[in-house]
Amino acid sequence: MQRIEQDQNAPIYYQFDQWLQTPLQHGIFTRHGGVSHGPWDSLNVGGTVGDEVTAVLENGRRILATFGFNEKQSCTVWQVHGVDTVVANGPMPQRKWLTRADGMITNKVGMALTMRFADCTPIMLYDPEHHAVGIVHAGWRGTVDGAITSAVQAMKLAYDTRPDLLQAAIGPSIGPDRYQVGEEVVAAVQNRFGTTDGLIKRADDGSAYFNLWEANRRLLAASGVAQIEVAGICTATYTDEFYSHRAEKGKTGRFGAVIALC
């Protein structure tokens, strides 16, 4: 990934290498370049974490303005750690979000899809043949239940997307050395993948750590997607750059992710 710094005090974000020369606007934003204070310092876009509403709105405006968009040109969803994917054709009048879902896809040019993260995995999709994009929010539950599989299937149904031509990117999230999980998660991983090899790592004390990056890469590959870029950046390790719900014990914000066709 490439770290993009703009003018002083402007939002700082990352872009995937494979999409630097494509007709996309996209970015995984850091926690820098906003107006929030305290544990939400400074580019928090989470509206349910205790931050001031005016600050959250301004931060969202700054993120969209980075790519020349405004709130009337963007769509988001109420993220619920599920697997549903919604087709986004435009924002809902008099409502901030489209529906409860954890995936969005669109083929509308000039409309930004936005989501919020703080350890869960942001996954972006681009169909260069049919000029369509998608974005997915996947924590452990969304991962083992197949949120990214749902999004790929939705693009096949909506746009005739061919998975072998689909491009995917797995963004910064909590890494495999920091994401300690309980035995119920280990069992869910075993049930979903038929193995825990390469997905669950045991520490000397027997505690389990889940590799969200590899799990979602395998799900994409199983769906027929071959071109997959993995950021490999751990949000719990780099809390100076990203928000981490786990590392900051819940007292933190949410960083934004945006993708749009241009």
Protein backbone atom coordinates (compact mmCIF):
# COMPACT_ATOMS: atom_id res chain seq x y z
CA MET A 1 0.00 0.00 0.00
CA GLN A 2 0.97 3.61 -0.52
CA ARG A 3 0.61 6.17 2.29
CA ILE A 4 -0.77 9.42 0.89
CA GLU A 5 -0.08 12.68 2.70
CA GLN A 6 -1.77 15.80 1.40
CA ASP A 7 -1.54 19.37 2.64
CA GLN A 8 -0.83 20.02 6.30
CA ASN A 9 -3.77 19.03 8.55
CA ALA A 10 -5.54 17.24 5.68
CA PRO A 11 -6.62 13.58 6.05
CA ILE A 12 -3.90 10.98 5.57
CA TYR A 13 -4.88 7.75 3.84
CA TYR A 14 -3.56 4.59 2.18
CA GLN A 15 -4.17 3.28 -1.33
CA PHE A 16 -3.63 -0.20 -2.74
CA ASP A 17 -0.78 -0.56 -5.21
CA GLN A 18 -2.84 -2.47 -7.76
CA TRP A 19 -5.32 0.39 -8.14
CA LEU A 20 -3.02 3.40 -8.38
CA GLN A 21 -3.46 3.54 -12.16
CA THR A 22 -7.13 2.54 -12.44
CA PRO A 23 -10.36 4.57 -12.81
CA LEU A 24 -11.05 4.33 -9.09
CA GLN A 25 -11.07 6.70 -6.17
CA HIS A 26 -10.28 4.75 -3.04
CA GLY A 27 -8.65 5.11 0.34
CA ILE A 28 -8.26 3.55 3.75
CA PHE A 29 -8.04 6.58 6.00
CA THR A 30 -5.89 6.89 9.10
CA ARG A 31 -6.82 8.64 12.32
CA HIS A 32 -4.99 11.81 11.20
CA GLY A 33 -6.40 14.97 9.69
CA GLY A 34 -9.66 15.50 11.57
CA VAL A 35 -11.14 17.67 14.30
CA SER A 36 -12.02 15.21 17.08
CA HIS A 37 -10.35 15.34 20.50
CA GLY A 38 -9.65 12.92 23.31
CA PRO A 39 -9.66 9.19 22.61
CA TRP A 40 -11.21 9.91 19.19
CA ASP A 41 -8.28 12.03 18.04
CA SER A 42 -8.65 13.07 15.29
CA LEU A 43 -10.37 11.73 12.12
CA ASN A 44 -13.07 9.66 13.80
CA VAL A 45 -16.12 8.82 11.68
CA GLY A 46 -17.83 6.59 14.24
CA GLY A 47 -21.09 8.17 15.34
CA THR A 48 -21.83 5.80 18.23
CA VAL A 49 -18.58 5.91 20.21
CA GLY A 50 -19.16 9.04 22.29
CA ASP A 51 -17.59 11.67 20.05
CA GLU A 52 -19.29 14.99 19.33
CA VAL A 53 -21.74 14.78 16.43
CA THR A 54 -20.43 17.95 14.82
CA ALA A 55 -16.87 16.59 14.84
CA VAL A 56 -17.92 13.28 13.28
CA LEU A 57 -19.81 15.07 10.53
CA GLU A 58 -16.88 17.35 9.77
CA ASN A 59 -14.51 14.40 9.65
CA GLY A 60 -16.78 12.61 7.21
CA ARG A 61 -16.97 15.74 5.08
CA ARG A 62 -13.18 15.98 4.99
CA ILE A 63 -12.81 12.38 3.92
CA LEU A 64 -15.31 12.73 1.08
CA ALA A 65 -13.82 16.06 0.01
CA THR A 66 -10.46 14.34 -0.41
CA PHE A 67 -11.86 12.79 -3.59
CA GLY A 68 -14.17 15.65 -4.54
CA PHE A 69 -17.36 14.15 -3.12
CA ASN A 70 -20.03 15.40 -0.71
CA GLU A 71 -22.61 13.58 1.42
CA LYS A 72 -25.17 13.64 -1.41
CA GLN A 73 -22.74 11.58 -3.48
CA SER A 74 -22.07 8.89 -0.89
CA CYS A 75 -23.72 5.81 0.57
CA THR A 76 -23.16 3.86 3.73
CA VAL A 77 -24.87 1.15 5.78
CA TRP A 78 -25.56 0.42 9.42
CA GLN A 79 -22.91 -2.24 10.03
CA VAL A 80 -24.14 -5.19 12.08
CA HIS A 81 -21.41 -7.88 11.78
CA GLY A 82 -23.54 -9.83 9.33
CA VAL A 83 -23.14 -11.07 5.75
CA ASP A 84 -25.78 -9.19 3.77
CA THR A 85 -24.70 -7.14 0.74
CA VAL A 86 -26.82 -4.33 -0.67
CA VAL A 87 -26.79 -2.81 -4.16
CA ALA A 88 -26.23 0.94 -3.75
CA ASN A 89 -27.80 3.12 -6.40
CA GLY A 90 -27.84 6.33 -4.37
CA PRO A 91 -28.30 7.67 -0.84
CA MET A 92 -31.65 7.27 0.90
CA PRO A 93 -33.58 10.55 1.27
CA GLN A 94 -33.80 11.75 4.88
CA ARG A 95 -31.64 8.87 6.13
CA LYS A 96 -27.91 8.53 6.76
CA TRP A 97 -27.68 4.84 5.84
CA LEU A 98 -29.21 2.50 3.27
CA THR A 99 -30.03 -0.49 5.45
CA ARG A 100 -28.46 -2.88 7.96
CA ALA A 101 -25.74 -4.70 6.06
CA ASP A 102 -22.00 -5.27 5.92
CA GLY A 103 -21.41 -5.09 2.19
CA MET A 104 -22.20 -2.61 -0.57
CA ILE A 105 -21.73 -2.83 -4.33
CA THR A 106 -22.40 -0.33 -7.10
CA ASN A 107 -21.80 0.38 -10.78
CA LYS A 108 -22.77 4.05 -10.45
CA VAL A 109 -19.98 6.41 -11.46
CA GLY A 110 -19.25 9.27 -9.09
CA MET A 111 -20.84 7.74 -5.99
CA ALA A 112 -18.71 6.90 -2.96
CA LEU A 113 -19.26 3.81 -0.82
CA THR A 114 -18.09 4.43 2.74
CA MET A 115 -17.64 2.26 5.84
CA ARG A 116 -16.09 2.49 9.30
CA PHE A 117 -13.52 0.26 11.00
CA ALA A 118 -11.46 -0.23 14.17
CA ASP A 119 -9.89 -3.74 13.89
CA CYS A 120 -12.42 -5.44 11.60
CA THR A 121 -11.27 -6.06 8.05
CA PRO A 122 -12.05 -3.66 5.20
CA ILE A 123 -12.22 -5.53 1.90
CA MET A 124 -12.60 -3.76 -1.44
CA LEU A 125 -13.59 -5.21 -4.81
CA TYR A 126 -13.25 -3.95 -8.38
CA ASP A 127 -14.68 -5.48 -11.55
CA PRO A 128 -12.71 -3.86 -14.41
CA GLU A 129 -14.78 -5.63 -17.07
CA HIS A 130 -18.16 -4.30 -15.95
CA HIS A 131 -16.85 -1.24 -14.06
CA ALA A 132 -18.33 -2.02 -10.67
CA VAL A 133 -16.98 -1.86 -7.12
CA GLY A 134 -17.76 -3.20 -3.67
CA ILE A 135 -16.75 -2.79 -0.05
CA VAL A 136 -17.16 -5.21 2.87
CA HIS A 137 -16.84 -5.02 6.65
CA ALA A 138 -15.68 -8.35 8.13
CA GLY A 139 -14.90 -9.07 11.78
CA TRP A 140 -14.49 -12.64 12.99
CA ARG A 141 -18.19 -13.40 12.68
CA GLY A 142 -18.59 -11.77 9.27
CA THR A 143 -15.49 -13.60 8.10
CA VAL A 144 -16.51 -17.11 9.17
CA ASP A 145 -20.09 -16.53 8.02
CA GLY A 146 -18.85 -15.44 4.58
CA ALA A 147 -19.48 -11.71 4.21
CA ILE A 148 -16.96 -11.45 1.38
CA THR A 149 -18.43 -14.51 -0.32
CA SER A 150 -21.82 -12.80 -0.20
CA ALA A 151 -20.39 -9.68 -1.85
CA VAL A 152 -18.74 -11.62 -4.67
CA GLN A 153 -21.96 -13.51 -5.31
CA ALA A 154 -23.93 -10.24 -5.29
CA MET A 155 -21.62 -8.77 -7.94
CA LYS A 156 -22.07 -11.89 -10.07
CA LEU A 157 -25.85 -11.57 -9.87
CA ALA A 158 -26.07 -7.79 -10.26
CA TYR A 159 -23.36 -7.12 -12.84
CA ASP A 160 -22.44 -10.48 -14.35
CA THR A 161 -19.06 -10.18 -12.68
CA ARG A 162 -16.58 -12.95 -13.46
CA PRO A 163 -14.67 -13.82 -10.26
CA ASP A 164 -11.56 -14.74 -12.26
CA LEU A 165 -11.37 -11.12 -13.46
CA LEU A 166 -12.38 -9.57 -10.14
CA GLN A 167 -9.72 -7.68 -8.20
CA ALA A 168 -9.75 -7.69 -4.40
CA ALA A 169 -7.88 -5.85 -1.67
CA ILE A 170 -7.75 -6.67 2.05
CA GLY A 171 -7.01 -3.59 4.11
CA PRO A 172 -5.52 -2.86 7.54
CA SER A 173 -7.15 -4.70 10.44
CA ILE A 174 -6.09 -6.44 13.61
CA GLY A 175 -3.29 -8.83 12.73
CA PRO A 176 -2.76 -12.53 13.39
CA ASP A 177 -0.32 -11.89 16.22
CA ARG A 178 -2.70 -9.61 18.12
CA TYR A 179 -6.20 -11.00 17.56
CA GLN A 180 -6.75 -13.30 20.51
CA VAL A 181 -10.06 -15.18 20.31
CA GLY A 182 -12.05 -17.64 22.37
CA GLU A 183 -12.66 -21.31 21.72
CA GLU A 184 -16.07 -20.56 20.18
CA VAL A 185 -14.26 -18.69 17.41
CA VAL A 186 -11.80 -21.56 16.94
CA ALA A 187 -14.75 -23.93 16.57
CA ALA A 188 -16.43 -21.60 14.07
CA VAL A 189 -13.25 -21.41 12.01
CA GLN A 190 -12.92 -25.20 12.00
CA ASN A 191 -16.53 -25.56 10.93
CA ARG A 192 -16.22 -23.01 8.13
CA PHE A 193 -12.86 -24.00 6.66
CA GLY A 194 -12.57 -27.63 7.70
CA THR A 195 -9.23 -26.83 9.32
CA THR A 196 -7.55 -24.28 11.54
CA ASP A 197 -4.11 -24.71 9.94
CA GLY A 198 -2.73 -21.31 8.99
CA LEU A 199 -5.80 -19.65 10.45
CA ILE A 200 -5.48 -20.21 14.20
CA LYS A 201 -2.14 -19.89 15.97
CA ARG A 202 -1.66 -21.17 19.49
CA ALA A 203 0.54 -19.34 21.97
CA ASP A 204 2.63 -21.19 24.56
CA ASP A 205 -0.17 -20.76 27.10
CA GLY A 206 -2.71 -22.31 24.71
CA SER A 207 -4.48 -19.07 23.81
CA ALA A 208 -5.71 -18.79 20.23
CA TYR A 209 -5.06 -16.06 17.66
CA PHE A 210 -7.13 -15.71 14.47
CA ASN A 211 -5.69 -14.64 11.11
CA LEU A 212 -8.44 -12.54 9.53
CA TRP A 213 -6.27 -11.70 6.52
CA GLU A 214 -5.64 -15.30 5.54
CA ALA A 215 -9.23 -16.36 6.24
CA ASN A 216 -10.65 -13.73 3.90
CA ARG A 217 -7.97 -14.42 1.30
CA ARG A 218 -9.00 -18.08 1.29
CA LEU A 219 -12.68 -17.19 0.96
CA LEU A 220 -11.90 -14.94 -2.00
CA ALA A 221 -9.79 -17.64 -3.62
CA ALA A 222 -12.54 -20.20 -3.06
CA SER A 223 -14.92 -17.84 -4.85
CA GLY A 224 -12.60 -17.82 -7.86
CA VAL A 225 -10.81 -14.53 -7.21
CA ALA A 226 -7.11 -14.72 -8.07
CA GLN A 227 -5.91 -11.11 -7.92
CA ILE A 228 -5.81 -10.30 -4.19
CA GLU A 229 -3.68 -7.62 -2.51
CA VAL A 230 -3.23 -7.91 1.25
CA ALA A 231 -2.11 -4.81 3.14
CA GLY A 232 -0.68 -6.76 6.04
CA ILE A 233 -0.95 -3.76 8.39
CA CYS A 234 -2.08 -4.45 11.96
CA THR A 235 -4.34 -1.81 13.47
CA ALA A 236 -3.67 -3.03 17.01
CA THR A 237 0.07 -2.59 16.51
CA TYR A 238 -0.07 0.83 14.85
CA THR A 239 -2.49 2.73 17.08
CA ASP A 240 -0.57 5.89 16.24
CA GLU A 241 -1.94 5.47 12.69
CA PHE A 242 -5.27 3.64 13.07
CA TYR A 243 -8.00 3.19 15.65
CA SER A 244 -8.03 -0.20 17.39
CA HIS A 245 -10.99 -1.26 19.50
CA ARG A 246 -9.01 -4.14 20.99
CA ALA A 247 -5.71 -2.38 21.72
CA GLU A 248 -7.39 0.78 23.04
CA LYS A 249 -9.88 -1.19 25.16
CA GLY A 250 -12.94 0.21 23.41
CA LYS A 251 -12.12 3.87 24.05
CA THR A 252 -11.38 4.91 20.50
CA GLY A 253 -12.87 6.00 17.20
CA ARG A 254 -13.47 4.48 13.78
CA PHE A 255 -11.41 5.10 10.65
CA GLY A 256 -13.07 5.49 7.29
CA ALA A 257 -12.75 3.56 4.05
CA VAL A 258 -14.00 4.85 0.69
CA ILE A 259 -14.24 3.45 -2.81
CA ALA A 260 -15.85 4.99 -5.89
CA LEU A 261 -15.86 4.72 -9.67
CA CYS A 262 -14.64 7.69 -11.64
